[in-house]
Amino acid sequence: MSEELISKKELLDMTGISYGQLYRWKRKDLIPEEWFIRKSTFTGQETFFPKEKILERIEKIQTMKDHLSLDELASMFSPNVSDLQITKDEIIKRNIVSESVMNLYLDVEKGGSNFNFSRLLEVYVLEKLLQSGEINLEEGKMLLQVLKEAAQQIKQKNCELIITRKLGVSSCMILVNTEAFYFDPGTKKVIQLSLMTCMEEMKSKLL
């Protein structure tokens, strides 16, 4: 399925931001380079953006820029994360993850009570999807395995988590910098989740 695009002119008109603001945010890495998509049109080359992602990002920037500097916002939006260390108890205390999902994660993962950023993302995504009722426990275990295997890619790229079901069998995958993807008609897409958005949510809770 293809992502809906919005032209630069439509984006500026819809959000009320200026051309200068847009490119200043790009230079500050508040908006990823890969979201600036050049396409040929009958008037020449024009710039387009993934509509849902860019509108959500600009709304967040406008909401938070009065409370955080552009550098702090850039740190929050960047997938490149320094070596975070946080304890299990602190994660629960800050309401990032519930105690029940945390205990479930540790039972499956068998790790210690100190969390780096990758482990925190894993348990956060597990919490998000289990609490929503969109996945079951077996799918949660499969999801954790895929997140672990793709940890380095997730830190550096714009990734989406996809969970599908076909004839009662679930599959889980990570898509990296993907504009479109297609499944056969018998496959149902259960989850499509931006991991960058999850990271932003997590960082805002940590801040």
C-alpha atoms as a PDB file:
ATOM      1  CA  MET A   1       0.000   0.000   0.000  1.00  0.00           C
ATOM      2  CA  SER A   2       1.302   3.415  -1.023  1.00  0.00           C
ATOM      3  CA  GLU A   3       1.656   6.322   1.357  1.00  0.00           C
ATOM      4  CA  GLU A   4      -0.395   9.439   0.555  1.00  0.00           C
ATOM      5  CA  LEU A   5       1.841  12.382  -0.356  1.00  0.00           C
ATOM      6  CA  ILE A   6       1.349  16.124   0.133  1.00  0.00           C
ATOM      7  CA  SER A   7       3.091  18.806  -1.934  1.00  0.00           C
ATOM      8  CA  LYS A   8       5.298  21.433  -0.308  1.00  0.00           C
ATOM      9  CA  LYS A   9       2.855  24.213  -1.267  1.00  0.00           C
ATOM     10  CA  GLU A  10      -0.106  22.320   0.225  1.00  0.00           C
ATOM     11  CA  LEU A  11       1.916  21.631   3.372  1.00  0.00           C
ATOM     12  CA  LEU A  12       2.862  25.291   3.889  1.00  0.00           C
ATOM     13  CA  ASP A  13      -0.736  26.418   3.237  1.00  0.00           C
ATOM     14  CA  MET A  14      -2.223  23.788   5.561  1.00  0.00           C
ATOM     15  CA  THR A  15       0.163  24.308   8.511  1.00  0.00           C
ATOM     16  CA  GLY A  16       0.813  28.051   8.206  1.00  0.00           C
ATOM     17  CA  ILE A  17       4.589  27.602   8.489  1.00  0.00           C
ATOM     18  CA  SER A  18       7.030  29.398   6.203  1.00  0.00           C
ATOM     19  CA  TYR A  19       9.447  27.973   3.651  1.00  0.00           C
ATOM     20  CA  GLY A  20      12.283  29.186   5.909  1.00  0.00           C
ATOM     21  CA  GLN A  21      10.920  27.392   8.984  1.00  0.00           C
ATOM     22  CA  LEU A  22      10.510  24.143   7.058  1.00  0.00           C
ATOM     23  CA  TYR A  23      14.112  24.109   5.875  1.00  0.00           C
ATOM     24  CA  ARG A  24      15.478  25.336   9.202  1.00  0.00           C
ATOM     25  CA  TRP A  25      13.781  22.347  10.860  1.00  0.00           C
ATOM     26  CA  LYS A  26      15.263  20.127   8.169  1.00  0.00           C
ATOM     27  CA  ARG A  27      18.784  21.471   8.863  1.00  0.00           C
ATOM     28  CA  LYS A  28      18.233  20.832  12.592  1.00  0.00           C
ATOM     29  CA  ASP A  29      17.174  17.224  11.813  1.00  0.00           C
ATOM     30  CA  LEU A  30      13.674  17.793  13.167  1.00  0.00           C
ATOM     31  CA  ILE A  31      12.355  16.544   9.818  1.00  0.00           C
ATOM     32  CA  PRO A  32      14.207  13.601   8.223  1.00  0.00           C
ATOM     33  CA  GLU A  33      15.944  14.133   4.887  1.00  0.00           C
ATOM     34  CA  GLU A  34      14.176  11.090   3.387  1.00  0.00           C
ATOM     35  CA  TRP A  35      10.781  12.758   3.886  1.00  0.00           C
ATOM     36  CA  PHE A  36      11.709  15.364   1.221  1.00  0.00           C
ATOM     37  CA  ILE A  37      10.683  13.449  -1.904  1.00  0.00           C
ATOM     38  CA  ARG A  38      11.513  15.013  -5.300  1.00  0.00           C
ATOM     39  CA  LYS A  39       9.092  14.130  -8.111  1.00  0.00           C
ATOM     40  CA  SER A  40       8.642  15.267 -11.692  1.00  0.00           C
ATOM     41  CA  THR A  41       5.365  17.100 -12.421  1.00  0.00           C
ATOM     42  CA  PHE A  42       4.061  18.983 -15.463  1.00  0.00           C
ATOM     43  CA  THR A  43       5.534  22.184 -13.966  1.00  0.00           C
ATOM     44  CA  GLY A  44       8.952  20.591 -13.375  1.00  0.00           C
ATOM     45  CA  GLN A  45      10.493  19.123 -10.198  1.00  0.00           C
ATOM     46  CA  GLU A  46       8.450  19.494  -7.023  1.00  0.00           C
ATOM     47  CA  THR A  47       8.972  18.394  -3.413  1.00  0.00           C
ATOM     48  CA  PHE A  48       6.432  16.114  -1.731  1.00  0.00           C
ATOM     49  CA  PHE A  49       6.192  14.637   1.772  1.00  0.00           C
ATOM     50  CA  PRO A  50       4.516  11.581   3.359  1.00  0.00           C
ATOM     51  CA  LYS A  51       1.334  13.405   4.385  1.00  0.00           C
ATOM     52  CA  GLU A  52       0.431  11.700   7.669  1.00  0.00           C
ATOM     53  CA  LYS A  53       4.010  11.682   9.009  1.00  0.00           C
ATOM     54  CA  ILE A  54       4.879  15.287   8.121  1.00  0.00           C
ATOM     55  CA  LEU A  55       1.616  16.738   9.485  1.00  0.00           C
ATOM     56  CA  GLU A  56       2.012  14.817  12.745  1.00  0.00           C
ATOM     57  CA  ARG A  57       5.663  15.927  13.060  1.00  0.00           C
ATOM     58  CA  ILE A  58       4.909  19.617  12.410  1.00  0.00           C
ATOM     59  CA  GLU A  59       2.065  19.552  14.935  1.00  0.00           C
ATOM     60  CA  LYS A  60       4.458  18.117  17.550  1.00  0.00           C
ATOM     61  CA  ILE A  61       7.141  20.713  16.774  1.00  0.00           C
ATOM     62  CA  GLN A  62       4.642  23.582  17.015  1.00  0.00           C
ATOM     63  CA  THR A  63       3.232  22.216  20.284  1.00  0.00           C
ATOM     64  CA  MET A  64       6.623  21.674  21.950  1.00  0.00           C
ATOM     65  CA  LYS A  65       8.865  24.437  20.567  1.00  0.00           C
ATOM     66  CA  ASP A  66       7.790  26.908  23.266  1.00  0.00           C
ATOM     67  CA  HIS A  67       8.996  24.502  25.990  1.00  0.00           C
ATOM     68  CA  LEU A  68      12.035  22.876  24.353  1.00  0.00           C
ATOM     69  CA  SER A  69      14.881  24.317  22.258  1.00  0.00           C
ATOM     70  CA  LEU A  70      15.330  23.163  18.663  1.00  0.00           C
ATOM     71  CA  ASP A  71      18.389  21.160  19.780  1.00  0.00           C
ATOM     72  CA  GLU A  72      16.330  19.408  22.487  1.00  0.00           C
ATOM     73  CA  LEU A  73      13.590  18.677  19.955  1.00  0.00           C
ATOM     74  CA  ALA A  74      16.180  17.325  17.511  1.00  0.00           C
ATOM     75  CA  SER A  75      17.497  14.998  20.215  1.00  0.00           C
ATOM     76  CA  MET A  76      13.971  13.762  20.909  1.00  0.00           C
ATOM     77  CA  PHE A  77      13.146  13.126  17.242  1.00  0.00           C
ATOM     78  CA  SER A  78      16.487  11.568  16.328  1.00  0.00           C
ATOM     79  CA  PRO A  79      16.621   7.760  16.170  1.00  0.00           C
ATOM     80  CA  ASN A  80      20.330   7.942  17.072  1.00  0.00           C
ATOM     81  CA  VAL A  81      20.290   7.545  20.820  1.00  0.00           C
ATOM     82  CA  SER A  82      23.173   7.773  23.228  1.00  0.00           C
ATOM     83  CA  ASP A  83      23.697   5.021  25.780  1.00  0.00           C
ATOM     84  CA  LEU A  84      20.672   5.414  27.999  1.00  0.00           C
ATOM     85  CA  GLN A  85      20.589   3.453  31.252  1.00  0.00           C
ATOM     86  CA  ILE A  86      17.420   3.302  33.334  1.00  0.00           C
ATOM     87  CA  THR A  87      16.213   0.808  35.933  1.00  0.00           C
ATOM     88  CA  LYS A  88      13.097  -1.339  35.810  1.00  0.00           C
ATOM     89  CA  ASP A  89      11.686   0.427  38.890  1.00  0.00           C
ATOM     90  CA  GLU A  90      12.209   3.877  37.354  1.00  0.00           C
ATOM     91  CA  ILE A  91      10.441   2.812  34.136  1.00  0.00           C
ATOM     92  CA  ILE A  92       7.410   1.637  36.126  1.00  0.00           C
ATOM     93  CA  LYS A  93       7.481   4.716  38.390  1.00  0.00           C
ATOM     94  CA  ARG A  94       7.373   7.046  35.360  1.00  0.00           C
ATOM     95  CA  ASN A  95       4.396   5.129  33.914  1.00  0.00           C
ATOM     96  CA  ILE A  96       6.336   4.283  30.752  1.00  0.00           C
ATOM     97  CA  VAL A  97       5.468   0.588  31.150  1.00  0.00           C
ATOM     98  CA  SER A  98       3.058  -1.172  33.530  1.00  0.00           C
ATOM     99  CA  GLU A  99       4.409  -3.578  36.136  1.00  0.00           C
ATOM    100  CA  SER A 100       2.488  -6.520  34.647  1.00  0.00           C
ATOM    101  CA  VAL A 101       3.963  -6.069  31.147  1.00  0.00           C
ATOM    102  CA  MET A 102       7.422  -5.398  32.610  1.00  0.00           C
ATOM    103  CA  ASN A 103       7.316  -8.725  34.495  1.00  0.00           C
ATOM    104  CA  LEU A 104       6.090 -10.499  31.392  1.00  0.00           C
ATOM    105  CA  TYR A 105       8.922  -8.976  29.336  1.00  0.00           C
ATOM    106  CA  LEU A 106      11.572 -10.052  31.860  1.00  0.00           C
ATOM    107  CA  ASP A 107      10.134 -13.592  31.989  1.00  0.00           C
ATOM    108  CA  VAL A 108      10.458 -13.870  28.200  1.00  0.00           C
ATOM    109  CA  GLU A 109      13.720 -11.972  27.729  1.00  0.00           C
ATOM    110  CA  LYS A 110      15.586 -13.182  30.845  1.00  0.00           C
ATOM    111  CA  GLY A 111      17.583  -9.927  31.050  1.00  0.00           C
ATOM    112  CA  GLY A 112      18.550  -7.864  34.069  1.00  0.00           C
ATOM    113  CA  SER A 113      16.750  -4.932  35.689  1.00  0.00           C
ATOM    114  CA  ASN A 114      18.869  -2.241  33.980  1.00  0.00           C
ATOM    115  CA  PHE A 115      17.606  -1.084  30.592  1.00  0.00           C
ATOM    116  CA  ASN A 116      19.431   0.515  27.672  1.00  0.00           C
ATOM    117  CA  PHE A 117      17.465   2.293  24.938  1.00  0.00           C
ATOM    118  CA  SER A 118      16.930  -0.818  22.778  1.00  0.00           C
ATOM    119  CA  ARG A 119      15.479  -2.861  25.641  1.00  0.00           C
ATOM    120  CA  LEU A 120      13.323   0.067  26.733  1.00  0.00           C
ATOM    121  CA  LEU A 121      11.902   0.354  23.204  1.00  0.00           C
ATOM    122  CA  GLU A 122      11.165  -3.378  23.144  1.00  0.00           C
ATOM    123  CA  VAL A 123       9.205  -3.349  26.383  1.00  0.00           C
ATOM    124  CA  TYR A 124       7.480  -0.077  25.455  1.00  0.00           C
ATOM    125  CA  VAL A 125       6.219  -1.470  22.125  1.00  0.00           C
ATOM    126  CA  LEU A 126       5.147  -4.685  23.866  1.00  0.00           C
ATOM    127  CA  GLU A 127       3.200  -2.623  26.415  1.00  0.00           C
ATOM    128  CA  LYS A 128       1.562  -0.518  23.701  1.00  0.00           C
ATOM    129  CA  LEU A 129       0.330  -3.465  21.648  1.00  0.00           C
ATOM    130  CA  LEU A 130      -0.640  -5.838  24.485  1.00  0.00           C
ATOM    131  CA  GLN A 131      -2.593  -3.151  26.342  1.00  0.00           C
ATOM    132  CA  SER A 132      -4.452  -2.226  23.145  1.00  0.00           C
ATOM    133  CA  GLY A 133      -5.495  -5.858  22.688  1.00  0.00           C
ATOM    134  CA  GLU A 134      -4.169  -5.860  19.111  1.00  0.00           C
ATOM    135  CA  ILE A 135      -1.769  -8.766  19.685  1.00  0.00           C
ATOM    136  CA  ASN A 136      -1.718 -11.889  21.846  1.00  0.00           C
ATOM    137  CA  LEU A 137       1.093 -13.169  24.048  1.00  0.00           C
ATOM    138  CA  GLU A 138       2.617 -15.452  21.391  1.00  0.00           C
ATOM    139  CA  GLU A 139       2.697 -12.574  18.918  1.00  0.00           C
ATOM    140  CA  GLY A 140       4.314 -10.449  21.636  1.00  0.00           C
ATOM    141  CA  LYS A 141       7.136 -12.991  21.997  1.00  0.00           C
ATOM    142  CA  MET A 142       7.653 -13.030  18.222  1.00  0.00           C
ATOM    143  CA  LEU A 143       7.667  -9.224  18.168  1.00  0.00           C
ATOM    144  CA  LEU A 144      10.415  -9.085  20.826  1.00  0.00           C
ATOM    145  CA  GLN A 145      12.613 -11.465  18.832  1.00  0.00           C
ATOM    146  CA  VAL A 146      12.272  -9.352  15.661  1.00  0.00           C
ATOM    147  CA  LEU A 147      12.959  -6.099  17.538  1.00  0.00           C
ATOM    148  CA  LYS A 148      16.112  -7.610  19.058  1.00  0.00           C
ATOM    149  CA  GLU A 149      17.422  -8.817  15.709  1.00  0.00           C
ATOM    150  CA  ALA A 150      16.788  -5.410  14.072  1.00  0.00           C
ATOM    151  CA  ALA A 151      18.049  -3.270  16.994  1.00  0.00           C
ATOM    152  CA  GLN A 152      20.934  -1.625  15.112  1.00  0.00           C
ATOM    153  CA  GLN A 153      18.807  -0.780  12.085  1.00  0.00           C
ATOM    154  CA  ILE A 154      16.070   0.666  14.296  1.00  0.00           C
ATOM    155  CA  LYS A 155      18.533   3.031  15.988  1.00  0.00           C
ATOM    156  CA  GLN A 156      19.724   4.466  12.675  1.00  0.00           C
ATOM    157  CA  LYS A 157      16.769   4.339  10.272  1.00  0.00           C
ATOM    158  CA  ASN A 158      13.122   5.220   9.905  1.00  0.00           C
ATOM    159  CA  CYS A 159      11.491   1.825  10.584  1.00  0.00           C
ATOM    160  CA  GLU A 160       7.955   0.471  10.709  1.00  0.00           C
ATOM    161  CA  LEU A 161       6.779  -2.622  12.539  1.00  0.00           C
ATOM    162  CA  ILE A 162       4.280  -4.740  10.593  1.00  0.00           C
ATOM    163  CA  ILE A 163       2.342  -7.712  11.979  1.00  0.00           C
ATOM    164  CA  THR A 164       0.196  -9.777   9.614  1.00  0.00           C
ATOM    165  CA  ARG A 165      -2.057 -12.813   9.913  1.00  0.00           C
ATOM    166  CA  LYS A 166      -2.972 -15.373   7.278  1.00  0.00           C
ATOM    167  CA  LEU A 167      -5.027 -18.502   7.965  1.00  0.00           C
ATOM    168  CA  GLY A 168      -4.482 -17.958  11.693  1.00  0.00           C
ATOM    169  CA  VAL A 169      -0.676 -17.754  11.367  1.00  0.00           C
ATOM    170  CA  SER A 170       1.034 -14.498  12.393  1.00  0.00           C
ATOM    171  CA  SER A 171       4.150 -12.938  10.888  1.00  0.00           C
ATOM    172  CA  CYS A 172       6.182  -9.996  12.150  1.00  0.00           C
ATOM    173  CA  MET A 173       8.616  -7.834  10.164  1.00  0.00           C
ATOM    174  CA  ILE A 174      10.511  -4.537  10.303  1.00  0.00           C
ATOM    175  CA  LEU A 175      10.390  -2.351   7.179  1.00  0.00           C
ATOM    176  CA  VAL A 176      13.247   0.158   6.751  1.00  0.00           C
ATOM    177  CA  ASN A 177      12.664   3.474   4.927  1.00  0.00           C
ATOM    178  CA  THR A 178       9.734   1.985   3.024  1.00  0.00           C
ATOM    179  CA  GLU A 179       7.356   4.055   0.897  1.00  0.00           C
ATOM    180  CA  ALA A 180       5.047   1.193  -0.114  1.00  0.00           C
ATOM    181  CA  PHE A 181       4.534  -2.530   0.472  1.00  0.00           C
ATOM    182  CA  TYR A 182       2.133  -5.149  -0.807  1.00  0.00           C
ATOM    183  CA  PHE A 183       0.738  -8.460   0.464  1.00  0.00           C
ATOM    184  CA  ASP A 184      -1.268 -11.155  -1.250  1.00  0.00           C
ATOM    185  CA  PRO A 185      -5.065 -10.723  -0.839  1.00  0.00           C
ATOM    186  CA  GLY A 186      -5.349 -13.465   1.802  1.00  0.00           C
ATOM    187  CA  THR A 187      -3.008 -11.661   4.214  1.00  0.00           C
ATOM    188  CA  LYS A 188      -4.490  -9.316   6.829  1.00  0.00           C
ATOM    189  CA  LYS A 189      -2.362  -6.456   8.157  1.00  0.00           C
ATOM    190  CA  VAL A 190      -2.967  -6.371  11.924  1.00  0.00           C
ATOM    191  CA  ILE A 191      -0.403  -3.757  12.997  1.00  0.00           C
ATOM    192  CA  GLN A 192       1.518  -1.011  11.215  1.00  0.00           C
ATOM    193  CA  LEU A 193       3.478   0.971  13.784  1.00  0.00           C
ATOM    194  CA  SER A 194       6.131   3.655  13.298  1.00  0.00           C
ATOM    195  CA  LEU A 195       9.031   2.844  15.617  1.00  0.00           C
ATOM    196  CA  MET A 196      10.293   6.422  15.290  1.00  0.00           C
ATOM    197  CA  THR A 197       6.959   7.628  16.696  1.00  0.00           C
ATOM    198  CA  CYS A 198       7.323   5.137  19.563  1.00  0.00           C
ATOM    199  CA  MET A 199      10.813   6.484  20.272  1.00  0.00           C
ATOM    200  CA  GLU A 200       9.476  10.052  20.337  1.00  0.00           C
ATOM    201  CA  GLU A 201       6.708   9.068  22.758  1.00  0.00           C
ATOM    202  CA  MET A 202       9.243   7.315  24.983  1.00  0.00           C
ATOM    203  CA  LYS A 203      11.654  10.252  24.955  1.00  0.00           C
ATOM    204  CA  SER A 204       8.887  12.690  25.840  1.00  0.00           C
ATOM    205  CA  LYS A 205       8.047  10.522  28.874  1.00  0.00           C
ATOM    206  CA  LEU A 206      11.748  10.401  29.826  1.00  0.00           C
ATOM    207  CA  LEU A 207      12.047  14.194  29.505  1.00  0.00           C
END
